[in-house]
PDB file of all heavy atoms in Angstrom:
ATOM      1  N   GLN A   1      15.492  -3.350 -12.627  1.00  0.00           N
ATOM      2  CA  GLN A   1      16.512  -4.367 -12.396  1.00  0.00           C
ATOM      3  C   GLN A   1      17.630  -3.739 -11.583  1.00  0.00           C
ATOM      4  O   GLN A   1      17.838  -2.528 -11.588  1.00  0.00           O
ATOM      5  CB  GLN A   1      17.057  -4.865 -13.748  1.00  0.00           C
ATOM      6  CG  GLN A   1      17.997  -6.046 -13.687  1.00  0.00           C
ATOM      7  CD  GLN A   1      18.313  -6.569 -15.083  1.00  0.00           C
ATOM      8  OE1 GLN A   1      17.437  -6.650 -15.938  1.00  0.00           O
ATOM      9  NE2 GLN A   1      19.560  -6.937 -15.320  1.00  0.00           N
ATOM     10  N   ARG A   2      18.364  -4.577 -10.855  1.00  0.00           N
ATOM     11  CA  ARG A   2      19.596  -4.168 -10.190  1.00  0.00           C
ATOM     12  C   ARG A   2      20.674  -5.184 -10.557  1.00  0.00           C
ATOM     13  O   ARG A   2      20.422  -6.396 -10.508  1.00  0.00           O
ATOM     14  CB  ARG A   2      19.436  -4.091  -8.670  1.00  0.00           C
ATOM     15  CG  ARG A   2      18.458  -3.034  -8.188  1.00  0.00           C
ATOM     16  CD  ARG A   2      18.499  -2.856  -6.677  1.00  0.00           C
ATOM     17  NE  ARG A   2      19.704  -2.157  -6.264  1.00  0.00           N
ATOM     18  CZ  ARG A   2      19.765  -0.841  -6.024  1.00  0.00           C
ATOM     19  NH1 ARG A   2      18.690  -0.080  -6.176  1.00  0.00           N
ATOM     20  NH2 ARG A   2      20.900  -0.290  -5.623  1.00  0.00           N
ATOM     21  N   ASN A   3      21.864  -4.682 -10.901  1.00  0.00           N
ATOM     22  CA  ASN A   3      22.975  -5.544 -11.291  1.00  0.00           C
ATOM     23  C   ASN A   3      24.129  -5.367 -10.316  1.00  0.00           C
ATOM     24  O   ASN A   3      24.436  -4.235  -9.921  1.00  0.00           O
ATOM     25  CB  ASN A   3      23.448  -5.208 -12.704  1.00  0.00           C
ATOM     26  CG  ASN A   3      22.391  -5.488 -13.754  1.00  0.00           C
ATOM     27  OD1 ASN A   3      21.509  -6.317 -13.561  1.00  0.00           O
ATOM     28  ND2 ASN A   3      22.470  -4.794 -14.873  1.00  0.00           N
ATOM     29  N   CYS A   4      24.733  -6.476  -9.951  1.00  0.00           N
ATOM     30  CA  CYS A   4      25.874  -6.425  -9.040  1.00  0.00           C
ATOM     31  C   CYS A   4      27.161  -6.263  -9.850  1.00  0.00           C
ATOM     32  O   CYS A   4      27.492  -7.131 -10.662  1.00  0.00           O
ATOM     33  CB  CYS A   4      25.942  -7.692  -8.193  1.00  0.00           C
ATOM     34  SG  CYS A   4      27.360  -7.695  -7.058  1.00  0.00           S
ATOM     35  N   PRO A   5      27.916  -5.182  -9.628  1.00  0.00           N
ATOM     36  CA  PRO A   5      29.161  -4.996 -10.375  1.00  0.00           C
ATOM     37  C   PRO A   5      30.282  -5.911  -9.913  1.00  0.00           C
ATOM     38  O   PRO A   5      31.307  -6.035 -10.586  1.00  0.00           O
ATOM     39  CB  PRO A   5      29.503  -3.528 -10.105  1.00  0.00           C
ATOM     40  CG  PRO A   5      28.907  -3.252  -8.763  1.00  0.00           C
ATOM     41  CD  PRO A   5      27.648  -4.067  -8.704  1.00  0.00           C
ATOM     42  N   SER A   6      30.093  -6.565  -8.769  1.00  0.00           N
ATOM     43  CA  SER A   6      31.139  -7.422  -8.222  1.00  0.00           C
ATOM     44  C   SER A   6      31.049  -8.860  -8.738  1.00  0.00           C
ATOM     45  O   SER A   6      32.010  -9.404  -9.272  1.00  0.00           O
ATOM     46  CB  SER A   6      31.075  -7.420  -6.691  1.00  0.00           C
ATOM     47  OG  SER A   6      32.037  -8.277  -6.128  1.00  0.00           O
ATOM     48  N   CYS A   7      29.860  -9.470  -8.605  1.00  0.00           N
ATOM     49  CA  CYS A   7      29.734 -10.877  -8.995  1.00  0.00           C
ATOM     50  C   CYS A   7      28.900 -11.073 -10.250  1.00  0.00           C
ATOM     51  O   CYS A   7      28.781 -12.198 -10.746  1.00  0.00           O
ATOM     52  CB  CYS A   7      29.158 -11.707  -7.852  1.00  0.00           C
ATOM     53  SG  CYS A   7      27.412 -11.373  -7.496  1.00  0.00           S
ATOM     54  N   GLY A   8      28.298  -9.996 -10.762  1.00  0.00           N
ATOM     55  CA  GLY A   8      27.525 -10.097 -11.988  1.00  0.00           C
ATOM     56  C   GLY A   8      26.102 -10.574 -11.812  1.00  0.00           C
ATOM     57  O   GLY A   8      25.371 -10.734 -12.793  1.00  0.00           O
ATOM     58  N   ARG A   9      25.671 -10.793 -10.570  1.00  0.00           N
ATOM     59  CA  ARG A   9      24.310 -11.270 -10.329  1.00  0.00           C
ATOM     60  C   ARG A   9      23.289 -10.196 -10.704  1.00  0.00           C
ATOM     61  O   ARG A   9      23.474  -9.015 -10.403  1.00  0.00           O
ATOM     62  CB  ARG A   9      24.152 -11.649  -8.856  1.00  0.00           C
ATOM     63  CG  ARG A   9      22.777 -12.156  -8.461  1.00  0.00           C
ATOM     64  CD  ARG A   9      22.521 -13.560  -8.964  1.00  0.00           C
ATOM     65  NE  ARG A   9      21.218 -14.021  -8.563  1.00  0.00           N
ATOM     66  CZ  ARG A   9      20.978 -14.726  -7.442  1.00  0.00           C
ATOM     67  NH1 ARG A   9      21.977 -15.028  -6.626  1.00  0.00           N
ATOM     68  NH2 ARG A   9      19.768 -15.135  -7.152  1.00  0.00           N
ATOM     69  N   MET A  10      22.207 -10.594 -11.374  1.00  0.00           N
ATOM     70  CA  MET A  10      21.115  -9.689 -11.714  1.00  0.00           C
ATOM     71  C   MET A  10      19.956  -9.929 -10.758  1.00  0.00           C
ATOM     72  O   MET A  10      19.610 -11.069 -10.460  1.00  0.00           O
ATOM     73  CB  MET A  10      20.674  -9.921 -13.161  1.00  0.00           C
ATOM     74  CG  MET A  10      21.739  -9.584 -14.192  1.00  0.00           C
ATOM     75  SD  MET A  10      21.158  -9.812 -15.893  1.00  0.00           S
ATOM     76  CE  MET A  10      20.967 -11.611 -15.921  1.00  0.00           C
ATOM     77  N   HIS A  11      19.348  -8.835 -10.300  1.00  0.00           N
ATOM     78  CA  HIS A  11      18.238  -8.913  -9.354  1.00  0.00           C
ATOM     79  C   HIS A  11      17.031  -8.207  -9.950  1.00  0.00           C
ATOM     80  O   HIS A  11      17.161  -7.164 -10.598  1.00  0.00           O
ATOM     81  CB  HIS A  11      18.620  -8.265  -8.024  1.00  0.00           C
ATOM     82  CG  HIS A  11      19.837  -8.855  -7.392  1.00  0.00           C
ATOM     83  ND1 HIS A  11      19.779  -9.950  -6.559  1.00  0.00           N
ATOM     84  CD2 HIS A  11      21.152  -8.521  -7.490  1.00  0.00           C
ATOM     85  CE1 HIS A  11      21.008 -10.258  -6.145  1.00  0.00           C
ATOM     86  NE2 HIS A  11      21.858  -9.403  -6.700  1.00  0.00           N
ATOM     87  N   PHE A  12      15.854  -8.779  -9.701  1.00  0.00           N
ATOM     88  CA  PHE A  12      14.617  -8.261 -10.296  1.00  0.00           C
ATOM     89  C   PHE A  12      13.593  -7.982  -9.196  1.00  0.00           C
ATOM     90  O   PHE A  12      13.597  -8.636  -8.148  1.00  0.00           O
ATOM     91  CB  PHE A  12      14.055  -9.270 -11.297  1.00  0.00           C
ATOM     92  CG  PHE A  12      15.016  -9.604 -12.406  1.00  0.00           C
ATOM     93  CD1 PHE A  12      15.884 -10.679 -12.293  1.00  0.00           C
ATOM     94  CD2 PHE A  12      15.067  -8.819 -13.552  1.00  0.00           C
ATOM     95  CE1 PHE A  12      16.785 -10.970 -13.302  1.00  0.00           C
ATOM     96  CE2 PHE A  12      15.959  -9.111 -14.565  1.00  0.00           C
ATOM     97  CZ  PHE A  12      16.822 -10.187 -14.451  1.00  0.00           C
ATOM     98  N   PRO A  13      12.693  -7.018  -9.439  1.00  0.00           N
ATOM     99  CA  PRO A  13      11.660  -6.717  -8.434  1.00  0.00           C
ATOM    100  C   PRO A  13      10.869  -7.961  -8.057  1.00  0.00           C
ATOM    101  O   PRO A  13      10.530  -8.777  -8.917  1.00  0.00           O
ATOM    102  CB  PRO A  13      10.764  -5.690  -9.143  1.00  0.00           C
ATOM    103  CG  PRO A  13      11.651  -5.064 -10.164  1.00  0.00           C
ATOM    104  CD  PRO A  13      12.573  -6.162 -10.627  1.00  0.00           C
ATOM    105  N   ARG A  14      10.595  -8.105  -6.781  1.00  0.00           N
ATOM    106  CA  ARG A  14       9.873  -9.279  -6.308  1.00  0.00           C
ATOM    107  C   ARG A  14       8.464  -8.910  -5.888  1.00  0.00           C
ATOM    108  O   ARG A  14       8.188  -7.792  -5.441  1.00  0.00           O
ATOM    109  CB  ARG A  14      10.609  -9.935  -5.134  1.00  0.00           C
ATOM    110  CG  ARG A  14      10.767  -9.047  -3.918  1.00  0.00           C
ATOM    111  CD  ARG A  14      11.433  -9.790  -2.779  1.00  0.00           C
ATOM    112  NE  ARG A  14      10.600 -10.886  -2.309  1.00  0.00           N
ATOM    113  CZ  ARG A  14      11.036 -11.829  -1.458  1.00  0.00           C
ATOM    114  NH1 ARG A  14      12.283 -11.801  -1.027  1.00  0.00           N
ATOM    115  NH2 ARG A  14      10.226 -12.773  -1.054  1.00  0.00           N
ATOM    116  N   THR A  15       7.593  -9.862  -6.066  1.00  0.00           N
ATOM    117  CA  THR A  15       6.225  -9.748  -5.598  1.00  0.00           C
ATOM    118  C   THR A  15       5.926 -10.967  -4.749  1.00  0.00           C
ATOM    119  O   THR A  15       6.122 -12.100  -5.199  1.00  0.00           O
ATOM    120  CB  THR A  15       5.238  -9.679  -6.785  1.00  0.00           C
ATOM    121  OG1 THR A  15       5.500  -8.500  -7.547  1.00  0.00           O
ATOM    122  CG2 THR A  15       3.803  -9.626  -6.290  1.00  0.00           C
ATOM    123  N   ASP A  16       5.485 -10.758  -3.538  1.00  0.00           N
ATOM    124  CA  ASP A  16       5.229 -11.861  -2.612  1.00  0.00           C
ATOM    125  C   ASP A  16       3.785 -12.328  -2.736  1.00  0.00           C
ATOM    126  O   ASP A  16       2.858 -11.543  -2.505  1.00  0.00           O
ATOM    127  CB  ASP A  16       5.509 -11.425  -1.177  1.00  0.00           C
ATOM    128  CG  ASP A  16       6.956 -11.008  -0.975  1.00  0.00           C
ATOM    129  OD1 ASP A  16       7.836 -11.715  -1.475  1.00  0.00           O
ATOM    130  OD2 ASP A  16       7.189  -9.978  -0.335  1.00  0.00           O
ATOM    131  N   PRO A  17       3.549 -13.608  -3.077  1.00  0.00           N
ATOM    132  CA  PRO A  17       2.169 -14.108  -3.169  1.00  0.00           C
ATOM    133  C   PRO A  17       1.563 -14.335  -1.786  1.00  0.00           C
ATOM    134  O   PRO A  17       2.175 -14.961  -0.917  1.00  0.00           O
ATOM    135  CB  PRO A  17       2.320 -15.420  -3.938  1.00  0.00           C
ATOM    136  CG  PRO A  17       3.714 -15.878  -3.651  1.00  0.00           C
ATOM    137  CD  PRO A  17       4.535 -14.633  -3.473  1.00  0.00           C
ATOM    138  N   VAL A  18       0.366 -13.811  -1.613  1.00  0.00           N
ATOM    139  CA  VAL A  18      -0.370 -13.942  -0.347  1.00  0.00           C
ATOM    140  C   VAL A  18      -1.762 -14.477  -0.658  1.00  0.00           C
ATOM    141  O   VAL A  18      -2.446 -13.949  -1.534  1.00  0.00           O
ATOM    142  CB  VAL A  18      -0.497 -12.588   0.371  1.00  0.00           C
ATOM    143  CG1 VAL A  18      -1.303 -12.731   1.655  1.00  0.00           C
ATOM    144  CG2 VAL A  18       0.871 -11.997   0.651  1.00  0.00           C
ATOM    145  N   VAL A  19      -2.171 -15.520   0.037  1.00  0.00           N
ATOM    146  CA  VAL A  19      -3.547 -16.003  -0.120  1.00  0.00           C
ATOM    147  C   VAL A  19      -4.434 -15.308   0.906  1.00  0.00           C
ATOM    148  O   VAL A  19      -4.043 -15.087   2.055  1.00  0.00           O
ATOM    149  CB  VAL A  19      -3.645 -17.534   0.054  1.00  0.00           C
ATOM    150  CG1 VAL A  19      -3.000 -18.241  -1.132  1.00  0.00           C
ATOM    151  CG2 VAL A  19      -3.013 -18.010   1.354  1.00  0.00           C
ATOM    152  N   ILE A  20      -5.619 -14.931   0.471  1.00  0.00           N
ATOM    153  CA  ILE A  20      -6.638 -14.378   1.357  1.00  0.00           C
ATOM    154  C   ILE A  20      -7.928 -15.115   1.052  1.00  0.00           C
ATOM    155  O   ILE A  20      -8.279 -15.291  -0.118  1.00  0.00           O
ATOM    156  CB  ILE A  20      -6.783 -12.854   1.200  1.00  0.00           C
ATOM    157  CG1 ILE A  20      -7.824 -12.316   2.200  1.00  0.00           C
ATOM    158  CG2 ILE A  20      -7.092 -12.438  -0.230  1.00  0.00           C
ATOM    159  CD1 ILE A  20      -7.780 -10.805   2.359  1.00  0.00           C
ATOM    160  N   MET A  21      -8.619 -15.625   2.068  1.00  0.00           N
ATOM    161  CA  MET A  21      -9.639 -16.625   1.797  1.00  0.00           C
ATOM    162  C   MET A  21     -10.977 -16.368   2.486  1.00  0.00           C
ATOM    163  O   MET A  21     -11.039 -16.004   3.656  1.00  0.00           O
ATOM    164  CB  MET A  21      -9.146 -18.030   2.171  1.00  0.00           C
ATOM    165  CG  MET A  21      -8.259 -18.124   3.376  1.00  0.00           C
ATOM    166  SD  MET A  21      -6.534 -17.760   2.944  1.00  0.00           S
ATOM    167  CE  MET A  21      -5.698 -18.073   4.493  1.00  0.00           C
ATOM    168  N   LEU A  22     -11.991 -16.563   1.694  1.00  0.00           N
ATOM    169  CA  LEU A  22     -13.370 -16.556   2.171  1.00  0.00           C
ATOM    170  C   LEU A  22     -13.681 -17.984   2.609  1.00  0.00           C
ATOM    171  O   LEU A  22     -13.987 -18.839   1.783  1.00  0.00           O
ATOM    172  CB  LEU A  22     -14.313 -16.106   1.061  1.00  0.00           C
ATOM    173  CG  LEU A  22     -15.794 -16.084   1.418  1.00  0.00           C
ATOM    174  CD1 LEU A  22     -16.150 -14.770   2.106  1.00  0.00           C
ATOM    175  CD2 LEU A  22     -16.655 -16.260   0.174  1.00  0.00           C
ATOM    176  N   ILE A  23     -13.594 -18.240   3.894  1.00  0.00           N
ATOM    177  CA  ILE A  23     -13.857 -19.577   4.424  1.00  0.00           C
ATOM    178  C   ILE A  23     -15.289 -19.603   4.956  1.00  0.00           C
ATOM    179  O   ILE A  23     -15.646 -18.845   5.869  1.00  0.00           O
ATOM    180  CB  ILE A  23     -12.853 -19.938   5.542  1.00  0.00           C
ATOM    181  CG1 ILE A  23     -11.422 -19.841   5.027  1.00  0.00           C
ATOM    182  CG2 ILE A  23     -13.165 -21.337   6.086  1.00  0.00           C
ATOM    183  CD1 ILE A  23     -11.125 -20.750   3.836  1.00  0.00           C
ATOM    184  N   THR A  24     -16.090 -20.462   4.372  1.00  0.00           N
ATOM    185  CA  THR A  24     -17.509 -20.514   4.749  1.00  0.00           C
ATOM    186  C   THR A  24     -17.889 -21.901   5.253  1.00  0.00           C
ATOM    187  O   THR A  24     -17.246 -22.904   4.929  1.00  0.00           O
ATOM    188  CB  THR A  24     -18.415 -20.145   3.562  1.00  0.00           C
ATOM    189  OG1 THR A  24     -18.146 -21.037   2.463  1.00  0.00           O
ATOM    190  CG2 THR A  24     -18.166 -18.717   3.115  1.00  0.00           C
ATOM    191  N   HIS A  25     -18.944 -21.913   6.031  1.00  0.00           N
ATOM    192  CA  HIS A  25     -19.560 -23.159   6.480  1.00  0.00           C
ATOM    193  C   HIS A  25     -21.061 -22.901   6.462  1.00  0.00           C
ATOM    194  O   HIS A  25     -21.593 -22.236   7.352  1.00  0.00           O
ATOM    195  CB  HIS A  25     -19.081 -23.553   7.874  1.00  0.00           C
ATOM    196  CG  HIS A  25     -19.501 -24.937   8.284  1.00  0.00           C
ATOM    197  ND1 HIS A  25     -20.753 -25.224   8.811  1.00  0.00           N
ATOM    198  CD2 HIS A  25     -18.842 -26.132   8.216  1.00  0.00           C
ATOM    199  CE1 HIS A  25     -20.835 -26.513   9.072  1.00  0.00           C
ATOM    200  NE2 HIS A  25     -19.683 -27.096   8.720  1.00  0.00           N
ATOM    201  N   GLY A  26     -21.716 -23.386   5.412  1.00  0.00           N
ATOM    202  CA  GLY A  26     -23.127 -23.065   5.249  1.00  0.00           C
ATOM    203  C   GLY A  26     -23.318 -21.586   5.024  1.00  0.00           C
ATOM    204  O   GLY A  26     -22.767 -20.991   4.096  1.00  0.00           O
ATOM    205  N   ASN A  27     -24.039 -20.955   5.944  1.00  0.00           N
ATOM    206  CA  ASN A  27     -24.380 -19.541   5.835  1.00  0.00           C
ATOM    207  C   ASN A  27     -23.402 -18.640   6.585  1.00  0.00           C
ATOM    208  O   ASN A  27     -23.623 -17.438   6.699  1.00  0.00           O
ATOM    209  CB  ASN A  27     -25.801 -19.324   6.394  1.00  0.00           C
ATOM    210  CG  ASN A  27     -26.365 -17.957   6.063  1.00  0.00           C
ATOM    211  OD1 ASN A  27     -26.246 -17.499   4.937  1.00  0.00           O
ATOM    212  ND2 ASN A  27     -26.963 -17.306   7.052  1.00  0.00           N
ATOM    213  N   LYS A  28     -22.292 -19.204   7.075  1.00  0.00           N
ATOM    214  CA  LYS A  28     -21.380 -18.438   7.915  1.00  0.00           C
ATOM    215  C   LYS A  28     -20.023 -18.249   7.243  1.00  0.00           C
ATOM    216  O   LYS A  28     -19.589 -19.069   6.443  1.00  0.00           O
ATOM    217  CB  LYS A  28     -21.186 -19.140   9.264  1.00  0.00           C
ATOM    218  CG  LYS A  28     -22.451 -19.225  10.111  1.00  0.00           C
ATOM    219  CD  LYS A  28     -22.164 -19.912  11.434  1.00  0.00           C
ATOM    220  CE  LYS A  28     -23.424 -19.984  12.297  1.00  0.00           C
ATOM    221  NZ  LYS A  28     -23.149 -20.654  13.591  1.00  0.00           N
ATOM    222  N   VAL A  29     -19.346 -17.152   7.606  1.00  0.00           N
ATOM    223  CA  VAL A  29     -18.015 -16.850   7.099  1.00  0.00           C
ATOM    224  C   VAL A  29     -17.080 -16.616   8.280  1.00  0.00           C
ATOM    225  O   VAL A  29     -17.478 -16.078   9.320  1.00  0.00           O
ATOM    226  CB  VAL A  29     -18.051 -15.611   6.170  1.00  0.00           C
ATOM    227  CG1 VAL A  29     -18.511 -14.368   6.928  1.00  0.00           C
ATOM    228  CG2 VAL A  29     -16.691 -15.375   5.534  1.00  0.00           C
ATOM    229  N   LEU A  30     -15.830 -17.023   8.114  1.00  0.00           N
ATOM    230  CA  LEU A  30     -14.831 -16.922   9.172  1.00  0.00           C
ATOM    231  C   LEU A  30     -14.050 -15.620   9.028  1.00  0.00           C
ATOM    232  O   LEU A  30     -13.527 -15.311   7.959  1.00  0.00           O
ATOM    233  CB  LEU A  30     -13.870 -18.109   9.090  1.00  0.00           C
ATOM    234  CG  LEU A  30     -12.755 -18.198  10.132  1.00  0.00           C
ATOM    235  CD1 LEU A  30     -13.333 -18.374  11.537  1.00  0.00           C
ATOM    236  CD2 LEU A  30     -11.818 -19.365   9.800  1.00  0.00           C
ATOM    237  N   VAL A  31     -13.961 -14.843  10.115  1.00  0.00           N
ATOM    238  CA  VAL A  31     -13.174 -13.615  10.129  1.00  0.00           C
ATOM    239  C   VAL A  31     -12.240 -13.636  11.329  1.00  0.00           C
ATOM    240  O   VAL A  31     -12.464 -14.362  12.304  1.00  0.00           O
ATOM    241  CB  VAL A  31     -14.068 -12.357  10.189  1.00  0.00           C
ATOM    242  CG1 VAL A  31     -14.942 -12.256   8.952  1.00  0.00           C
ATOM    243  CG2 VAL A  31     -14.907 -12.329  11.459  1.00  0.00           C
ATOM    244  N   GLY A  32     -11.186 -12.840  11.244  1.00  0.00           N
ATOM    245  CA  GLY A  32     -10.231 -12.772  12.342  1.00  0.00           C
ATOM    246  C   GLY A  32      -9.541 -11.428  12.369  1.00  0.00           C
ATOM    247  O   GLY A  32      -9.753 -10.576  11.506  1.00  0.00           O
ATOM    248  N   ARG A  33      -8.703 -11.224  13.380  1.00  0.00           N
ATOM    249  CA  ARG A  33      -7.975  -9.966  13.511  1.00  0.00           C
ATOM    250  C   ARG A  33      -6.576 -10.236  14.035  1.00  0.00           C
ATOM    251  O   ARG A  33      -6.344 -11.164  14.825  1.00  0.00           O
ATOM    252  CB  ARG A  33      -8.692  -8.969  14.427  1.00  0.00           C
ATOM    253  CG  ARG A  33      -8.922  -9.445  15.829  1.00  0.00           C
ATOM    254  CD  ARG A  33      -9.598  -8.379  16.702  1.00  0.00           C
ATOM    255  NE  ARG A  33      -8.617  -7.454  17.260  1.00  0.00           N
ATOM    256  CZ  ARG A  33      -8.561  -6.157  16.959  1.00  0.00           C
ATOM    257  NH1 ARG A  33      -9.414  -5.647  16.102  1.00  0.00           N
ATOM    258  NH2 ARG A  33      -7.661  -5.377  17.512  1.00  0.00           N
ATOM    259  N   GLY A  34      -5.621  -9.423  13.583  1.00  0.00           N
ATOM    260  CA  GLY A  34      -4.254  -9.526  14.056  1.00  0.00           C
ATOM    261  C   GLY A  34      -4.033  -8.677  15.292  1.00  0.00           C
ATOM    262  O   GLY A  34      -4.766  -7.721  15.557  1.00  0.00           O
ATOM    263  N   ALA A  35      -3.008  -9.015  16.046  1.00  0.00           N
ATOM    264  CA  ALA A  35      -2.666  -8.243  17.232  1.00  0.00           C
ATOM    265  C   ALA A  35      -2.263  -6.829  16.817  1.00  0.00           C
ATOM    266  O   ALA A  35      -1.557  -6.625  15.835  1.00  0.00           O
ATOM    267  CB  ALA A  35      -1.523  -8.911  17.984  1.00  0.00           C
ATOM    268  N   GLY A  36      -2.748  -5.850  17.562  1.00  0.00           N
ATOM    269  CA  GLY A  36      -2.387  -4.471  17.281  1.00  0.00           C
ATOM    270  C   GLY A  36      -3.271  -3.777  16.264  1.00  0.00           C
ATOM    271  O   GLY A  36      -3.064  -2.592  15.961  1.00  0.00           O
ATOM    272  N   TRP A  37      -4.240  -4.501  15.702  1.00  0.00           N
ATOM    273  CA  TRP A  37      -5.152  -3.851  14.753  1.00  0.00           C
ATOM    274  C   TRP A  37      -6.063  -2.882  15.491  1.00  0.00           C
ATOM    275  O   TRP A  37      -6.362  -3.072  16.682  1.00  0.00           O
ATOM    276  CB  TRP A  37      -6.002  -4.898  14.043  1.00  0.00           C
ATOM    277  CG  TRP A  37      -5.269  -5.679  12.992  1.00  0.00           C
ATOM    278  CD1 TRP A  37      -3.923  -5.733  12.795  1.00  0.00           C
ATOM    279  CD2 TRP A  37      -5.853  -6.541  12.015  1.00  0.00           C
ATOM    280  NE1 TRP A  37      -3.635  -6.571  11.742  1.00  0.00           N
ATOM    281  CE2 TRP A  37      -4.795  -7.074  11.245  1.00  0.00           C
ATOM    282  CE3 TRP A  37      -7.159  -6.905  11.711  1.00  0.00           C
ATOM    283  CZ2 TRP A  37      -5.017  -7.963  10.198  1.00  0.00           C
ATOM    284  CZ3 TRP A  37      -7.386  -7.791  10.664  1.00  0.00           C
ATOM    285  CH2 TRP A  37      -6.329  -8.312   9.918  1.00  0.00           C
ATOM    286  N   PRO A  38      -6.540  -1.837  14.809  1.00  0.00           N
ATOM    287  CA  PRO A  38      -7.473  -0.907  15.451  1.00  0.00           C
ATOM    288  C   PRO A  38      -8.730  -1.630  15.941  1.00  0.00           C
ATOM    289  O   PRO A  38      -9.131  -2.656  15.387  1.00  0.00           O
ATOM    290  CB  PRO A  38      -7.816   0.075  14.324  1.00  0.00           C
ATOM    291  CG  PRO A  38      -6.650   0.004  13.393  1.00  0.00           C
ATOM    292  CD  PRO A  38      -6.178  -1.417  13.441  1.00  0.00           C
ATOM    293  N   GLU A  39      -9.340  -1.071  16.965  1.00  0.00           N
ATOM    294  CA  GLU A  39     -10.548  -1.675  17.539  1.00  0.00           C
ATOM    295  C   GLU A  39     -11.634  -1.832  16.475  1.00  0.00           C
ATOM    296  O   GLU A  39     -11.897  -0.925  15.686  1.00  0.00           O
ATOM    297  CB  GLU A  39     -11.073  -0.798  18.679  1.00  0.00           C
ATOM    298  CG  GLU A  39     -12.275  -1.386  19.396  1.00  0.00           C
ATOM    299  CD  GLU A  39     -12.756  -0.519  20.532  1.00  0.00           C
ATOM    300  OE1 GLU A  39     -12.100   0.509  20.811  1.00  0.00           O
ATOM    301  OE2 GLU A  39     -13.795  -0.862  21.138  1.00  0.00           O
TER     302      GLU A  39
END
């Protein structure tokens, strides 16, 4: 935890939810790549 001595606000560790998905169509799966990823 982190506490603000000025305004009294309490702060807690955050975890960002990310979805990652297996998208299929019949026998196929969709894949992709971001810019700058290794070859």
